[in-house]
Amino acid sequence: MGRFTGILTLLPILLLKIRQSNRIRQILPHPMGRAWDYFFSTNQCCWVLVTLKNGKKYGGLYSYNSFASSRPEPEQLYLEKHWALDNDGDFDHELTDTLGVIILTNEIESVEFIKLQEPTTSNRETKNV
């Protein structure tokens, strides 16, 4: 029984290594299936800039209290902190009277993920968080 347990313990690691090999990756599709699911499965905190099909932009913080739906549900994005954008589409200031923003992907043209830096209200400088 000890050998069987050892094999069962090592099997997932072996399968992962096989799945990551270049030959297998050329044959099999990525297990996530969608870039949306892949990125949000990494649990990275970041600033998000969403551009809608009509050109309107939304910005906010994607962090521990944010949420992105995953397969098989349609993509939806909840940003826990909603930021106003200036005329150039840059982060201007946090909208403190909101509890965040939900964005439905049927309206999204693109989503930009920005390395987590805290914009200042003057937007002239950023500081690392």
Foldseek 3Di string as FASTA:
>chain_A
DVVVVVCVVCVVVVVVVVCPDPVNCVVDPDPQPDPQSVVVVVQDWFKKWWAFPVGDIWIATDHDPWDWDGPPDATKTWGQWTFDADPVRHGAGTPVVDRTDMDGCVGTPDMDTHHDWDQDNVNPDTHRD
